C-alpha atoms as a PDB file:
ATOM      1  CA  PRO A   1     -11.647  80.886  61.982  1.00  0.00           C
ATOM      2  CA  ALA A   2     -13.149  82.382  64.960  1.00  0.00           C
ATOM      3  CA  ASN A   3     -16.389  84.195  65.951  1.00  0.00           C
ATOM      4  CA  SER A   4     -16.495  85.491  69.550  1.00  0.00           C
ATOM      5  CA  THR A   5     -13.002  85.302  71.300  1.00  0.00           C
ATOM      6  CA  ILE A   6      -9.651  84.391  70.103  1.00  0.00           C
ATOM      7  CA  THR A   7      -6.360  83.878  71.923  1.00  0.00           C
ATOM      8  CA  LEU A   8      -3.384  85.693  70.435  1.00  0.00           C
ATOM      9  CA  PRO A   9       0.063  84.749  71.451  1.00  0.00           C
ATOM     10  CA  TYR A  10       2.899  86.998  71.831  1.00  0.00           C
ATOM     11  CA  GLN A  11       6.370  87.162  73.257  1.00  0.00           C
ATOM     12  CA  LEU A  12       7.978  90.051  75.373  1.00  0.00           C
ATOM     13  CA  LYS A  13      11.246  90.136  77.439  1.00  0.00           C
ATOM     14  CA  LYS A  14      10.887  89.772  81.108  1.00  0.00           C
ATOM     15  CA  GLY A  15       9.522  93.026  82.700  1.00  0.00           C
ATOM     16  CA  GLU A  16       8.593  94.608  79.306  1.00  0.00           C
ATOM     17  CA  ILE A  17       5.320  96.329  78.711  1.00  0.00           C
ATOM     18  CA  SER A  18       4.348  96.923  75.128  1.00  0.00           C
ATOM     19  CA  PHE A  19       1.199  97.400  72.847  1.00  0.00           C
ATOM     20  CA  MET A  20      -0.551  94.890  70.499  1.00  0.00           C
ATOM     21  CA  ASN A  21      -1.911  96.711  67.501  1.00  0.00           C
ATOM     22  CA  ILE A  22      -4.825  95.135  65.500  1.00  0.00           C
ATOM     23  CA  TYR A  23      -5.349  96.155  61.943  1.00  0.00           C
ATOM     24  CA  ASP A  24      -7.895  95.104  59.305  1.00  0.00           C
ATOM     25  CA  ILE A  25      -6.568  93.664  55.988  1.00  0.00           C
ATOM     26  CA  SER A  26      -6.438  97.246  54.527  1.00  0.00           C
ATOM     27  CA  GLY A  27      -4.132  98.393  57.260  1.00  0.00           C
ATOM     28  CA  LYS A  28      -6.606 100.467  59.129  1.00  0.00           C
ATOM     29  CA  LEU A  29      -5.852 100.363  62.888  1.00  0.00           C
ATOM     30  CA  ILE A  30      -8.827  98.671  64.538  1.00  0.00           C
ATOM     31  CA  ASP A  31      -7.692  98.252  68.193  1.00  0.00           C
ATOM     32  CA  THR A  32      -4.789  98.675  70.582  1.00  0.00           C
ATOM     33  CA  LYS A  33      -4.159  96.591  73.733  1.00  0.00           C
ATOM     34  CA  GLN A  34      -1.628  97.097  76.332  1.00  0.00           C
ATOM     35  CA  ILE A  35       0.283  93.802  77.136  1.00  0.00           C
ATOM     36  CA  ASP A  36       3.064  92.839  79.541  1.00  0.00           C
ATOM     37  CA  SER A  37       5.570  89.996  80.065  1.00  0.00           C
ATOM     38  CA  TYR A  38       3.537  88.306  82.727  1.00  0.00           C
ATOM     39  CA  PHE A  39       1.488  86.663  80.218  1.00  0.00           C
ATOM     40  CA  ASP A  40       2.357  85.132  76.686  1.00  0.00           C
ATOM     41  CA  LYS A  41      -1.054  85.506  75.206  1.00  0.00           C
ATOM     42  CA  ILE A  42      -4.239  87.691  75.250  1.00  0.00           C
ATOM     43  CA  GLN A  43      -7.864  86.708  75.053  1.00  0.00           C
ATOM     44  CA  LEU A  44      -9.485  89.079  72.651  1.00  0.00           C
ATOM     45  CA  ASN A  45     -13.131  89.770  72.269  1.00  0.00           C
ATOM     46  CA  ILE A  46     -13.834  89.932  68.545  1.00  0.00           C
ATOM     47  CA  SER A  47     -17.621  89.633  68.550  1.00  0.00           C
ATOM     48  CA  ASN A  48     -17.873  93.307  67.233  1.00  0.00           C
ATOM     49  CA  TYR A  49     -15.285  92.633  64.505  1.00  0.00           C
ATOM     50  CA  THR A  50     -16.754  92.109  60.942  1.00  0.00           C
ATOM     51  CA  ARG A  51     -15.817  88.995  59.044  1.00  0.00           C
ATOM     52  CA  GLY A  52     -12.367  89.004  57.520  1.00  0.00           C
ATOM     53  CA  ILE A  53      -8.784  88.644  58.000  1.00  0.00           C
ATOM     54  CA  TYR A  54      -7.110  90.782  60.614  1.00  0.00           C
ATOM     55  CA  ILE A  55      -3.315  91.379  61.474  1.00  0.00           C
ATOM     56  CA  TYR A  56      -1.985  91.834  64.908  1.00  0.00           C
ATOM     57  CA  GLU A  57       1.516  93.324  65.625  1.00  0.00           C
ATOM     58  CA  VAL A  58       3.671  93.461  68.685  1.00  0.00           C
ATOM     59  CA  ASN A  59       7.120  95.133  68.551  1.00  0.00           C
ATOM     60  CA  GLY A  60       7.405  94.764  64.800  1.00  0.00           C
ATOM     61  CA  ILE A  61       6.339  91.133  64.723  1.00  0.00           C
ATOM     62  CA  SER A  62       3.027  90.377  63.142  1.00  0.00           C
ATOM     63  CA  SER A  63       0.681  87.668  62.470  1.00  0.00           C
ATOM     64  CA  LYS A  64      -2.883  87.210  61.234  1.00  0.00           C
ATOM     65  CA  PHE A  65      -6.267  85.706  62.338  1.00  0.00           C
ATOM     66  CA  ILE A  66      -9.545  85.253  60.672  1.00  0.00           C
ATOM     67  CA  VAL A  67     -12.992  86.274  61.896  1.00  0.00           C
ATOM     68  CA  ASP A  68     -15.655  84.115  60.384  1.00  0.00           C
END
């Protein structure tokens, strides 16, 4: 569980630019971040997120994280 920032890993092909979509557990879109292949993770400020389970998705691949 996290409470202020969390590091979310992702994989993109070299030179690719994409978006990371963040959803709450009900499927409501909460946030969208532009990402690129220069990095393989993003530091996300979650201090304004309510407690619960969230899902993040990049190019059809999803994972989840918990805000405590």
